[in-house]
Amino acid sequence: MNIKETVIMCCKEVIEKSKGNIEVDMDTVISRDTGIDSLGIVNLVLELEDKFGVELDNYLADIRKCETVRDLAGVMTGVIEKE
C-alpha cells in the first residue's frame, strides 16, 4: 500500500468511527466534506503515526494547514522521505 492509499484508509477509519460511512478520496475537503472536528483530527494524527510508525509532533502545524486529503498525503510523503 502506498502513502496516498494509507492516508485515505486512515481518514476513512477515523471518520467511520465518528460520522459513519463517508466516501473519501484525494480531493475530499477534510473538515467540510467529512464533518471531522478537532478531536477527529487528533485521532487522525494518532492513526497516521501508528500506520506509518512515525512521530508527527514536529509536523502538526503543517497537518493543521491541510485542507484536502491530497494535502495531507503530501505532508506525509515529506515526513516519510525525511525519516
PDB file of N, CA and C in Angstrom:
ATOM      1  N   MET A   1       0.850  -1.176   0.000  1.00  0.00           N
ATOM      2  CA  MET A   1       0.000   0.000   0.000  1.00  0.00           C
ATOM      3  C   MET A   1       0.900   1.246   0.000  1.00  0.00           C
ATOM      4  N   ASN A   2       0.593   2.202  -0.855  1.00  0.00           N
ATOM      5  CA  ASN A   2       1.425   3.400  -0.922  1.00  0.00           C
ATOM      6  C   ASN A   2       0.938   4.468   0.065  1.00  0.00           C
ATOM      7  N   ILE A   3       1.643   5.578   0.107  1.00  0.00           N
ATOM      8  CA  ILE A   3       1.345   6.629   1.079  1.00  0.00           C
ATOM      9  C   ILE A   3      -0.067   7.181   0.878  1.00  0.00           C
ATOM     10  N   LYS A   4      -0.434   7.466  -0.361  1.00  0.00           N
ATOM     11  CA  LYS A   4      -1.764   8.031  -0.623  1.00  0.00           C
ATOM     12  C   LYS A   4      -2.868   7.084  -0.177  1.00  0.00           C
ATOM     13  N   GLU A   5      -2.736   5.815  -0.519  1.00  0.00           N
ATOM     14  CA  GLU A   5      -3.750   4.834  -0.128  1.00  0.00           C
ATOM     15  C   GLU A   5      -3.839   4.700   1.392  1.00  0.00           C
ATOM     16  N   THR A   6      -2.689   4.751   2.058  1.00  0.00           N
ATOM     17  CA  THR A   6      -2.671   4.636   3.514  1.00  0.00           C
ATOM     18  C   THR A   6      -3.321   5.843   4.168  1.00  0.00           C
ATOM     19  N   VAL A   7      -3.067   7.039   3.642  1.00  0.00           N
ATOM     20  CA  VAL A   7      -3.691   8.256   4.183  1.00  0.00           C
ATOM     21  C   VAL A   7      -5.206   8.189   4.005  1.00  0.00           C
ATOM     22  N   ILE A   8      -5.669   7.763   2.832  1.00  0.00           N
ATOM     23  CA  ILE A   8      -7.104   7.630   2.596  1.00  0.00           C
ATOM     24  C   ILE A   8      -7.699   6.622   3.573  1.00  0.00           C
ATOM     25  N   MET A   9      -7.030   5.491   3.753  1.00  0.00           N
ATOM     26  CA  MET A   9      -7.512   4.460   4.670  1.00  0.00           C
ATOM     27  C   MET A   9      -7.613   5.001   6.100  1.00  0.00           C
ATOM     28  N   CYS A  10      -6.596   5.741   6.541  1.00  0.00           N
ATOM     29  CA  CYS A  10      -6.617   6.316   7.891  1.00  0.00           C
ATOM     30  C   CYS A  10      -7.774   7.302   8.037  1.00  0.00           C
ATOM     31  N   CYS A  11      -7.978   8.142   7.037  1.00  0.00           N
ATOM     32  CA  CYS A  11      -9.092   9.096   7.080  1.00  0.00           C
ATOM     33  C   CYS A  11     -10.420   8.367   7.178  1.00  0.00           C
ATOM     34  N   LYS A  12     -10.600   7.336   6.363  1.00  0.00           N
ATOM     35  CA  LYS A  12     -11.849   6.569   6.390  1.00  0.00           C
ATOM     36  C   LYS A  12     -12.080   5.937   7.752  1.00  0.00           C
ATOM     37  N   GLU A  13     -11.035   5.360   8.328  1.00  0.00           N
ATOM     38  CA  GLU A  13     -11.176   4.696   9.628  1.00  0.00           C
ATOM     39  C   GLU A  13     -11.599   5.672  10.717  1.00  0.00           C
ATOM     40  N   VAL A  14     -10.973   6.837  10.744  1.00  0.00           N
ATOM     41  CA  VAL A  14     -11.302   7.834  11.768  1.00  0.00           C
ATOM     42  C   VAL A  14     -12.707   8.388  11.552  1.00  0.00           C
ATOM     43  N   ILE A  15     -13.056   8.669  10.319  1.00  0.00           N
ATOM     44  CA  ILE A  15     -14.364   9.237  10.011  1.00  0.00           C
ATOM     45  C   ILE A  15     -15.475   8.231  10.314  1.00  0.00           C
ATOM     46  N   GLU A  16     -15.258   6.967   9.951  1.00  0.00           N
ATOM     47  CA  GLU A  16     -16.281   5.945  10.190  1.00  0.00           C
ATOM     48  C   GLU A  16     -16.588   5.779  11.673  1.00  0.00           C
ATOM     49  N   LYS A  17     -15.580   5.968  12.526  1.00  0.00           N
ATOM     50  CA  LYS A  17     -15.799   5.829  13.968  1.00  0.00           C
ATOM     51  C   LYS A  17     -16.713   6.914  14.515  1.00  0.00           C
ATOM     52  N   SER A  18     -16.668   8.108  13.913  1.00  0.00           N
ATOM     53  CA  SER A  18     -17.454   9.208  14.467  1.00  0.00           C
ATOM     54  C   SER A  18     -18.628   9.641  13.586  1.00  0.00           C
ATOM     55  N   LYS A  19     -18.497   9.503  12.288  1.00  0.00           N
ATOM     56  CA  LYS A  19     -19.518  10.044  11.390  1.00  0.00           C
ATOM     57  C   LYS A  19     -20.222   8.993  10.538  1.00  0.00           C
ATOM     58  N   GLY A  20     -19.757   7.771  10.568  1.00  0.00           N
ATOM     59  CA  GLY A  20     -20.349   6.744   9.717  1.00  0.00           C
ATOM     60  C   GLY A  20     -19.597   6.627   8.407  1.00  0.00           C
ATOM     61  N   ASN A  21     -20.200   5.996   7.452  1.00  0.00           N
ATOM     62  CA  ASN A  21     -19.549   5.720   6.173  1.00  0.00           C
ATOM     63  C   ASN A  21     -19.648   6.926   5.247  1.00  0.00           C
ATOM     64  N   ILE A  22     -18.533   7.586   4.999  1.00  0.00           N
ATOM     65  CA  ILE A  22     -18.461   8.733   4.099  1.00  0.00           C
ATOM     66  C   ILE A  22     -17.385   8.430   3.068  1.00  0.00           C
ATOM     67  N   GLU A  23     -17.700   8.682   1.805  1.00  0.00           N
ATOM     68  CA  GLU A  23     -16.729   8.442   0.733  1.00  0.00           C
ATOM     69  C   GLU A  23     -15.565   9.422   0.876  1.00  0.00           C
ATOM     70  N   VAL A  24     -14.351   8.905   0.783  1.00  0.00           N
ATOM     71  CA  VAL A  24     -13.152   9.721   0.917  1.00  0.00           C
ATOM     72  C   VAL A  24     -12.245   9.448  -0.276  1.00  0.00           C
ATOM     73  N   ASP A  25     -11.806  10.536  -0.932  1.00  0.00           N
ATOM     74  CA  ASP A  25     -10.815  10.410  -1.995  1.00  0.00           C
ATOM     75  C   ASP A  25      -9.790  11.530  -1.833  1.00  0.00           C
ATOM     76  N   MET A  26      -8.884  11.652  -2.756  1.00  0.00           N
ATOM     77  CA  MET A  26      -7.800  12.623  -2.622  1.00  0.00           C
ATOM     78  C   MET A  26      -8.292  14.072  -2.592  1.00  0.00           C
ATOM     79  N   ASP A  27      -9.447  14.335  -3.187  1.00  0.00           N
ATOM     80  CA  ASP A  27      -9.955  15.708  -3.241  1.00  0.00           C
ATOM     81  C   ASP A  27     -10.975  16.022  -2.149  1.00  0.00           C
ATOM     82  N   THR A  28     -11.190  15.090  -1.235  1.00  0.00           N
ATOM     83  CA  THR A  28     -12.102  15.329  -0.120  1.00  0.00           C
ATOM     84  C   THR A  28     -11.548  16.442   0.761  1.00  0.00           C
ATOM     85  N   VAL A  29     -12.379  17.454   1.028  1.00  0.00           N
ATOM     86  CA  VAL A  29     -12.005  18.525   1.946  1.00  0.00           C
ATOM     87  C   VAL A  29     -12.275  17.998   3.353  1.00  0.00           C
ATOM     88  N   ILE A  30     -11.220  17.877   4.126  1.00  0.00           N
ATOM     89  CA  ILE A  30     -11.282  17.143   5.388  1.00  0.00           C
ATOM     90  C   ILE A  30     -12.360  17.681   6.326  1.00  0.00           C
ATOM     91  N   SER A  31     -12.357  18.960   6.607  1.00  0.00           N
ATOM     92  CA  SER A  31     -13.329  19.476   7.587  1.00  0.00           C
ATOM     93  C   SER A  31     -14.723  19.630   6.986  1.00  0.00           C
ATOM     94  N   ARG A  32     -14.829  20.152   5.789  1.00  0.00           N
ATOM     95  CA  ARG A  32     -16.145  20.428   5.192  1.00  0.00           C
ATOM     96  C   ARG A  32     -16.861  19.154   4.747  1.00  0.00           C
ATOM     97  N   ASP A  33     -16.178  18.303   4.010  1.00  0.00           N
ATOM     98  CA  ASP A  33     -16.836  17.133   3.425  1.00  0.00           C
ATOM     99  C   ASP A  33     -17.054  16.005   4.421  1.00  0.00           C
ATOM    100  N   THR A  34     -16.249  15.949   5.460  1.00  0.00           N
ATOM    101  CA  THR A  34     -16.348  14.838   6.401  1.00  0.00           C
ATOM    102  C   THR A  34     -16.971  15.236   7.730  1.00  0.00           C
ATOM    103  N   GLY A  35     -16.976  16.520   8.035  1.00  0.00           N
ATOM    104  CA  GLY A  35     -17.502  16.982   9.310  1.00  0.00           C
ATOM    105  C   GLY A  35     -16.587  16.645  10.477  1.00  0.00           C
ATOM    106  N   ILE A  36     -15.360  16.277  10.180  1.00  0.00           N
ATOM    107  CA  ILE A  36     -14.409  15.905  11.227  1.00  0.00           C
ATOM    108  C   ILE A  36     -14.051  17.149  12.046  1.00  0.00           C
ATOM    109  N   ASP A  37     -14.023  17.002  13.352  1.00  0.00           N
ATOM    110  CA  ASP A  37     -13.735  18.120  14.242  1.00  0.00           C
ATOM    111  C   ASP A  37     -12.303  18.014  14.774  1.00  0.00           C
ATOM    112  N   SER A  38     -11.959  18.871  15.720  1.00  0.00           N
ATOM    113  CA  SER A  38     -10.585  18.900  16.230  1.00  0.00           C
ATOM    114  C   SER A  38     -10.207  17.589  16.916  1.00  0.00           C
ATOM    115  N   LEU A  39     -11.139  16.962  17.607  1.00  0.00           N
ATOM    116  CA  LEU A  39     -10.857  15.659  18.212  1.00  0.00           C
ATOM    117  C   LEU A  39     -10.628  14.611  17.128  1.00  0.00           C
ATOM    118  N   GLY A  40     -11.385  14.699  16.064  1.00  0.00           N
ATOM    119  CA  GLY A  40     -11.189  13.794  14.937  1.00  0.00           C
ATOM    120  C   GLY A  40      -9.819  13.965  14.310  1.00  0.00           C
ATOM    121  N   ILE A  41      -9.349  15.208  14.229  1.00  0.00           N
ATOM    122  CA  ILE A  41      -8.017  15.471  13.689  1.00  0.00           C
ATOM    123  C   ILE A  41      -6.961  14.843  14.589  1.00  0.00           C
ATOM    124  N   VAL A  42      -7.129  14.961  15.896  1.00  0.00           N
ATOM    125  CA  VAL A  42      -6.195  14.331  16.838  1.00  0.00           C
ATOM    126  C   VAL A  42      -6.171  12.820  16.607  1.00  0.00           C
ATOM    127  N   ASN A  43      -7.358  12.228  16.491  1.00  0.00           N
ATOM    128  CA  ASN A  43      -7.433  10.788  16.237  1.00  0.00           C
ATOM    129  C   ASN A  43      -6.799  10.421  14.901  1.00  0.00           C
ATOM    130  N   LEU A  44      -6.967  11.276  13.902  1.00  0.00           N
ATOM    131  CA  LEU A  44      -6.356  11.043  12.595  1.00  0.00           C
ATOM    132  C   LEU A  44      -4.835  11.071  12.700  1.00  0.00           C
ATOM    133  N   VAL A  45      -4.299  12.041  13.423  1.00  0.00           N
ATOM    134  CA  VAL A  45      -2.847  12.126  13.617  1.00  0.00           C
ATOM    135  C   VAL A  45      -2.334  10.863  14.314  1.00  0.00           C
ATOM    136  N   LEU A  46      -3.041  10.419  15.332  1.00  0.00           N
ATOM    137  CA  LEU A  46      -2.635   9.201  16.043  1.00  0.00           C
ATOM    138  C   LEU A  46      -2.675   7.989  15.122  1.00  0.00           C
ATOM    139  N   GLU A  47      -3.688   7.916  14.290  1.00  0.00           N
ATOM    140  CA  GLU A  47      -3.816   6.806  13.338  1.00  0.00           C
ATOM    141  C   GLU A  47      -2.672   6.845  12.320  1.00  0.00           C
ATOM    142  N   LEU A  48      -2.350   8.031  11.829  1.00  0.00           N
ATOM    143  CA  LEU A  48      -1.246   8.172  10.876  1.00  0.00           C
ATOM    144  C   LEU A  48       0.078   7.778  11.518  1.00  0.00           C
ATOM    145  N   GLU A  49       0.292   8.214  12.755  1.00  0.00           N
ATOM    146  CA  GLU A  49       1.521   7.836  13.466  1.00  0.00           C
ATOM    147  C   GLU A  49       1.625   6.322  13.594  1.00  0.00           C
ATOM    148  N   ASP A  50       0.522   5.688  13.914  1.00  0.00           N
ATOM    149  CA  ASP A  50       0.512   4.237  14.087  1.00  0.00           C
ATOM    150  C   ASP A  50       0.780   3.514  12.767  1.00  0.00           C
ATOM    151  N   LYS A  51       0.088   3.915  11.716  1.00  0.00           N
ATOM    152  CA  LYS A  51       0.223   3.232  10.421  1.00  0.00           C
ATOM    153  C   LYS A  51       1.601   3.425   9.798  1.00  0.00           C
ATOM    154  N   PHE A  52       2.157   4.628   9.965  1.00  0.00           N
ATOM    155  CA  PHE A  52       3.448   4.918   9.340  1.00  0.00           C
ATOM    156  C   PHE A  52       4.627   4.699  10.280  1.00  0.00           C
ATOM    157  N   GLY A  53       4.366   4.521  11.570  1.00  0.00           N
ATOM    158  CA  GLY A  53       5.445   4.306  12.532  1.00  0.00           C
ATOM    159  C   GLY A  53       6.344   5.519  12.703  1.00  0.00           C
ATOM    160  N   VAL A  54       5.733   6.707  12.688  1.00  0.00           N
ATOM    161  CA  VAL A  54       6.488   7.954  12.834  1.00  0.00           C
ATOM    162  C   VAL A  54       5.852   8.824  13.913  1.00  0.00           C
ATOM    163  N   GLU A  55       6.630   9.769  14.420  1.00  0.00           N
ATOM    164  CA  GLU A  55       6.129  10.792  15.338  1.00  0.00           C
ATOM    165  C   GLU A  55       5.808  12.031  14.517  1.00  0.00           C
ATOM    166  N   LEU A  56       4.636  12.589  14.706  1.00  0.00           N
ATOM    167  CA  LEU A  56       4.225  13.745  13.910  1.00  0.00           C
ATOM    168  C   LEU A  56       4.206  15.047  14.698  1.00  0.00           C
ATOM    169  N   ASP A  57       4.736  15.041  15.917  1.00  0.00           N
ATOM    170  CA  ASP A  57       4.725  16.246  16.748  1.00  0.00           C
ATOM    171  C   ASP A  57       5.313  17.455  16.034  1.00  0.00           C
ATOM    172  N   ASN A  58       6.384  17.268  15.302  1.00  0.00           N
ATOM    173  CA  ASN A  58       7.052  18.377  14.617  1.00  0.00           C
ATOM    174  C   ASN A  58       6.320  18.823  13.350  1.00  0.00           C
ATOM    175  N   TYR A  59       5.274  18.103  12.959  1.00  0.00           N
ATOM    176  CA  TYR A  59       4.571  18.391  11.712  1.00  0.00           C
ATOM    177  C   TYR A  59       3.116  18.819  11.941  1.00  0.00           C
ATOM    178  N   LEU A  60       2.735  19.023  13.192  1.00  0.00           N
ATOM    179  CA  LEU A  60       1.346  19.350  13.489  1.00  0.00           C
ATOM    180  C   LEU A  60       0.895  20.645  12.828  1.00  0.00           C
ATOM    181  N   ALA A  61       1.766  21.639  12.764  1.00  0.00           N
ATOM    182  CA  ALA A  61       1.405  22.907  12.110  1.00  0.00           C
ATOM    183  C   ALA A  61       1.112  22.671  10.626  1.00  0.00           C
ATOM    184  N   ASP A  62       1.919  21.830   9.988  1.00  0.00           N
ATOM    185  CA  ASP A  62       1.696  21.512   8.574  1.00  0.00           C
ATOM    186  C   ASP A  62       0.400  20.725   8.391  1.00  0.00           C
ATOM    187  N   ILE A  63       0.134  19.804   9.293  1.00  0.00           N
ATOM    188  CA  ILE A  63      -1.085  18.992   9.202  1.00  0.00           C
ATOM    189  C   ILE A  63      -2.318  19.867   9.381  1.00  0.00           C
ATOM    190  N   ARG A  64      -2.266  20.822  10.307  1.00  0.00           N
ATOM    191  CA  ARG A  64      -3.409  21.713  10.533  1.00  0.00           C
ATOM    192  C   ARG A  64      -3.734  22.551   9.295  1.00  0.00           C
ATOM    193  N   LYS A  65      -2.744  22.835   8.467  1.00  0.00           N
ATOM    194  CA  LYS A  65      -2.938  23.635   7.261  1.00  0.00           C
ATOM    195  C   LYS A  65      -3.573  22.838   6.123  1.00  0.00           C
ATOM    196  N   CYS A  66      -3.589  21.529   6.239  1.00  0.00           N
ATOM    197  CA  CYS A  66      -4.120  20.674   5.174  1.00  0.00           C
ATOM    198  C   CYS A  66      -5.622  20.863   5.035  1.00  0.00           C
ATOM    199  N   GLU A  67      -6.052  21.150   3.817  1.00  0.00           N
ATOM    200  CA  GLU A  67      -7.485  21.259   3.555  1.00  0.00           C
ATOM    201  C   GLU A  67      -8.041  19.967   2.987  1.00  0.00           C
ATOM    202  N   THR A  68      -7.279  19.330   2.105  1.00  0.00           N
ATOM    203  CA  THR A  68      -7.763  18.118   1.447  1.00  0.00           C
ATOM    204  C   THR A  68      -6.928  16.915   1.850  1.00  0.00           C
ATOM    205  N   VAL A  69      -7.448  15.754   1.531  1.00  0.00           N
ATOM    206  CA  VAL A  69      -6.700  14.520   1.771  1.00  0.00           C
ATOM    207  C   VAL A  69      -5.420  14.543   0.940  1.00  0.00           C
ATOM    208  N   ARG A  70      -5.464  15.140  -0.234  1.00  0.00           N
ATOM    209  CA  ARG A  70      -4.268  15.270  -1.080  1.00  0.00           C
ATOM    210  C   ARG A  70      -3.188  16.086  -0.358  1.00  0.00           C
ATOM    211  N   ASP A  71      -3.584  17.174   0.291  1.00  0.00           N
ATOM    212  CA  ASP A  71      -2.635  17.985   1.060  1.00  0.00           C
ATOM    213  C   ASP A  71      -1.999  17.154   2.172  1.00  0.00           C
ATOM    214  N   LEU A  72      -2.829  16.383   2.858  1.00  0.00           N
ATOM    215  CA  LEU A  72      -2.344  15.546   3.956  1.00  0.00           C
ATOM    216  C   LEU A  72      -1.383  14.475   3.438  1.00  0.00           C
ATOM    217  N   ALA A  73      -1.705  13.890   2.303  1.00  0.00           N
ATOM    218  CA  ALA A  73      -0.811  12.894   1.708  1.00  0.00           C
ATOM    219  C   ALA A  73       0.527  13.532   1.333  1.00  0.00           C
ATOM    220  N   GLY A  74       0.490  14.783   0.890  1.00  0.00           N
ATOM    221  CA  GLY A  74       1.726  15.499   0.570  1.00  0.00           C
ATOM    222  C   GLY A  74       2.595  15.709   1.796  1.00  0.00           C
ATOM    223  N   VAL A  75       1.972  16.088   2.902  1.00  0.00           N
ATOM    224  CA  VAL A  75       2.717  16.261   4.153  1.00  0.00           C
ATOM    225  C   VAL A  75       3.313  14.925   4.580  1.00  0.00           C
ATOM    226  N   MET A  76       2.513  13.873   4.513  1.00  0.00           N
ATOM    227  CA  MET A  76       3.002  12.558   4.932  1.00  0.00           C
ATOM    228  C   MET A  76       4.125  12.058   4.020  1.00  0.00           C
ATOM    229  N   THR A  77       4.059  12.364   2.757  1.00  0.00           N
ATOM    230  CA  THR A  77       5.141  11.998   1.842  1.00  0.00           C
ATOM    231  C   THR A  77       6.429  12.683   2.265  1.00  0.00           C
ATOM    232  N   GLY A  78       6.344  13.967   2.604  1.00  0.00           N
ATOM    233  CA  GLY A  78       7.511  14.692   3.090  1.00  0.00           C
ATOM    234  C   GLY A  78       8.054  14.123   4.383  1.00  0.00           C
ATOM    235  N   VAL A  79       7.162  13.732   5.277  1.00  0.00           N
ATOM    236  CA  VAL A  79       7.592  13.151   6.555  1.00  0.00           C
ATOM    237  C   VAL A  79       8.322  11.832   6.304  1.00  0.00           C
ATOM    238  N   ILE A  80       7.752  10.978   5.489  1.00  0.00           N
ATOM    239  CA  ILE A  80       8.340   9.669   5.214  1.00  0.00           C
ATOM    240  C   ILE A  80       9.698   9.824   4.531  1.00  0.00           C
ATOM    241  N   GLU A  81       9.810  10.772   3.621  1.00  0.00           N
ATOM    242  CA  GLU A  81      11.077  10.985   2.919  1.00  0.00           C
ATOM    243  C   GLU A  81      12.177  11.451   3.877  1.00  0.00           C
ATOM    244  N   LYS A  82      11.799  12.183   4.928  1.00  0.00           N
ATOM    245  CA  LYS A  82      12.788  12.682   5.890  1.00  0.00           C
ATOM    246  C   LYS A  82      13.218  11.612   6.894  1.00  0.00           C
ATOM    247  N   GLU A  83      12.378  10.605   7.103  1.00  0.00           N
ATOM    248  CA  GLU A  83      12.669   9.559   8.088  1.00  0.00           C
ATOM    249  C   GLU A  83      13.710   8.579   7.572  1.00  0.00           C
TER     250      GLU A  83
END
